[in-house]
Protein backbone atom coordinates (compact mmCIF):
# COMPACT_ATOMS: atom_id res chain seq x y z
CA GLN A 1 14.98 -55.67 -37.92
CA TRP A 2 18.33 -55.25 -36.95
CA ARG A 3 19.59 -52.04 -36.68
CA LEU A 4 21.98 -49.98 -34.82
CA VAL A 5 22.55 -45.72 -34.82
CA GLU A 6 25.21 -43.80 -33.86
CA SER A 7 25.23 -40.84 -32.37
CA GLY A 8 27.24 -38.07 -30.61
CA GLY A 9 29.42 -37.93 -32.94
CA GLY A 10 30.57 -33.84 -33.61
CA LEU A 11 33.54 -30.90 -33.87
CA VAL A 12 36.05 -30.59 -30.57
CA GLU A 13 38.94 -28.37 -30.09
CA PRO A 14 41.84 -30.47 -29.74
CA GLY A 15 42.14 -32.67 -25.88
CA GLY A 16 38.51 -32.17 -25.75
CA SER A 17 36.42 -35.49 -24.82
CA LEU A 18 32.90 -36.34 -26.24
CA ARG A 19 30.68 -39.48 -26.06
CA LEU A 20 29.71 -41.93 -28.88
CA SER A 21 26.47 -43.77 -28.64
CA CYS A 22 25.03 -47.56 -30.52
CA THR A 23 21.89 -48.02 -29.92
CA THR A 24 20.87 -51.22 -31.36
CA SER A 25 16.80 -52.49 -31.84
CA GLY A 26 15.89 -55.76 -33.48
CA PHE A 27 17.74 -58.28 -31.13
CA SER A 28 19.10 -59.05 -28.52
CA LEU A 29 22.33 -57.72 -27.31
CA ASP A 30 23.11 -59.66 -25.19
CA ASP A 31 23.55 -62.43 -27.58
CA TYR A 32 26.55 -59.63 -28.83
CA ALA A 33 30.01 -58.23 -28.27
CA ILE A 34 29.88 -54.64 -29.90
CA GLY A 35 32.94 -52.87 -31.58
CA TRP A 36 34.00 -49.81 -32.61
CA PHE A 37 35.63 -49.17 -35.95
CA ARG A 38 36.82 -45.94 -37.70
CA GLU A 39 37.17 -44.65 -40.60
CA ALA A 40 39.16 -41.95 -42.44
CA SER A 41 39.50 -39.88 -45.65
CA ARG A 42 41.28 -42.15 -47.35
CA ARG A 43 42.62 -44.90 -44.74
CA ASP A 44 40.60 -48.31 -44.20
CA ARG A 45 38.63 -48.54 -41.66
CA GLU A 46 40.83 -49.67 -38.60
CA ALA A 47 39.96 -50.83 -34.88
CA VAL A 48 39.32 -49.03 -31.99
CA SER A 49 37.70 -50.77 -29.09
CA CYS A 50 35.36 -53.79 -28.54
CA VAL A 51 33.30 -55.88 -25.33
CA SER A 52 32.28 -58.60 -24.69
CA ARG A 53 28.58 -59.53 -24.27
CA SER A 54 28.23 -58.88 -20.38
CA GLY A 55 31.57 -56.26 -21.16
CA THR A 56 33.22 -57.47 -18.62
CA ILE A 57 36.19 -58.12 -21.62
CA ALA A 58 37.60 -54.71 -23.87
CA TYR A 59 40.02 -53.94 -25.86
CA TYR A 60 41.31 -51.69 -27.52
CA TRP A 61 43.46 -50.08 -29.93
CA PRO A 62 46.90 -49.30 -29.31
CA SER A 63 46.64 -45.57 -30.07
CA VAL A 64 42.95 -45.08 -28.46
CA LYS A 65 44.74 -46.88 -25.02
CA GLY A 66 44.07 -44.54 -22.59
CA ARG A 67 41.78 -42.12 -24.15
CA PHE A 68 38.70 -44.38 -24.98
CA THR A 69 36.80 -46.23 -22.71
CA ILE A 70 33.99 -48.80 -23.65
CA SER A 71 30.74 -49.62 -22.17
CA ARG A 72 27.53 -50.97 -22.42
CA ASP A 73 23.65 -51.35 -20.89
CA SER A 74 22.27 -54.32 -22.01
CA ALA A 75 18.86 -52.17 -20.32
CA LYS A 76 19.30 -49.77 -22.46
CA ASN A 77 20.64 -51.16 -25.92
CA THR A 78 23.65 -49.05 -26.14
CA THR A 79 27.06 -48.80 -26.48
CA TYR A 80 29.27 -46.33 -24.85
CA LEU A 81 32.32 -44.73 -26.08
CA GLN A 82 33.86 -41.81 -24.14
CA MET A 83 37.36 -40.53 -26.13
CA ASN A 84 38.98 -37.95 -23.83
CA ASN A 85 42.11 -36.39 -24.63
CA LEU A 86 40.82 -36.42 -28.27
CA LYS A 87 43.90 -35.59 -31.20
CA PRO A 88 42.88 -34.82 -34.67
CA GLU A 89 44.07 -37.57 -35.51
CA ASP A 90 41.40 -39.41 -34.26
CA THR A 91 39.21 -37.45 -36.20
CA ALA A 92 37.18 -40.09 -38.39
CA VAL A 93 33.23 -41.58 -38.97
CA TYR A 94 32.17 -43.62 -36.41
CA TYR A 95 31.11 -46.83 -37.00
CA CYS A 96 29.77 -49.86 -34.13
CA ALA A 97 28.86 -53.28 -35.77
CA ALA A 98 27.21 -56.25 -33.74
CA ASP A 99 28.93 -59.42 -33.58
CA ARG A 100 27.22 -63.12 -33.21
CA ILE A 101 29.75 -64.47 -30.36
CA SER A 102 28.62 -67.83 -28.95
CA ASN A 103 30.77 -67.18 -25.38
CA ASP A 104 31.87 -64.28 -22.95
CA ASN A 105 35.27 -64.95 -22.98
CA GLY A 106 36.03 -61.64 -25.49
CA CYS A 107 35.91 -59.98 -28.51
CA PHE A 108 37.93 -59.41 -31.41
CA LEU A 109 39.05 -56.73 -33.00
CA PHE A 110 39.16 -57.37 -36.39
CA LYS A 111 35.42 -56.06 -38.60
CA ASN A 112 35.37 -58.91 -40.79
CA GLU A 113 34.03 -60.64 -37.67
CA TYR A 114 31.10 -58.53 -37.72
CA ASP A 115 27.42 -58.83 -38.93
CA TRP A 116 25.80 -55.89 -38.68
CA TRP A 117 26.83 -52.60 -38.90
CA GLY A 118 25.42 -48.65 -38.50
CA ARG A 119 25.83 -45.95 -41.09
CA GLY A 120 28.27 -44.23 -38.65
CA THR A 121 28.75 -40.39 -36.85
CA GLN A 122 31.29 -37.86 -37.65
CA VAL A 123 33.95 -36.87 -35.75
CA THR A 124 36.36 -34.16 -36.00
CA VAL A 125 38.84 -33.12 -33.69
CA SER A 126 40.41 -28.99 -34.96
CA SER A 127 41.37 -26.29 -33.23
């Protein structure tokens, strides 16, 4: 049974940091690119970042580039999203997702590419 579980969300003040984790089970993480997406109230789910199968290639949505860093640890079946200099507009439910991809040439920032999803973790940035 495949499973993705996000953790690490919470309430943080503007300018603060959080590290989200996405722990996977039930499938070989090495065969999948991992993406992070977020969904704010009354808005569509949008891309945040993604990382290739080997972890060597990563892409970021412009609004988070330079502030967020994605990484993965296959030995721990976990992908991380380090979020620094958080802003109120980063407030959302954050989801991780897995994309079974046949090569290690990159990843996609399109939600429709992803096969499996976690249930999300809430991030609130407020003073």
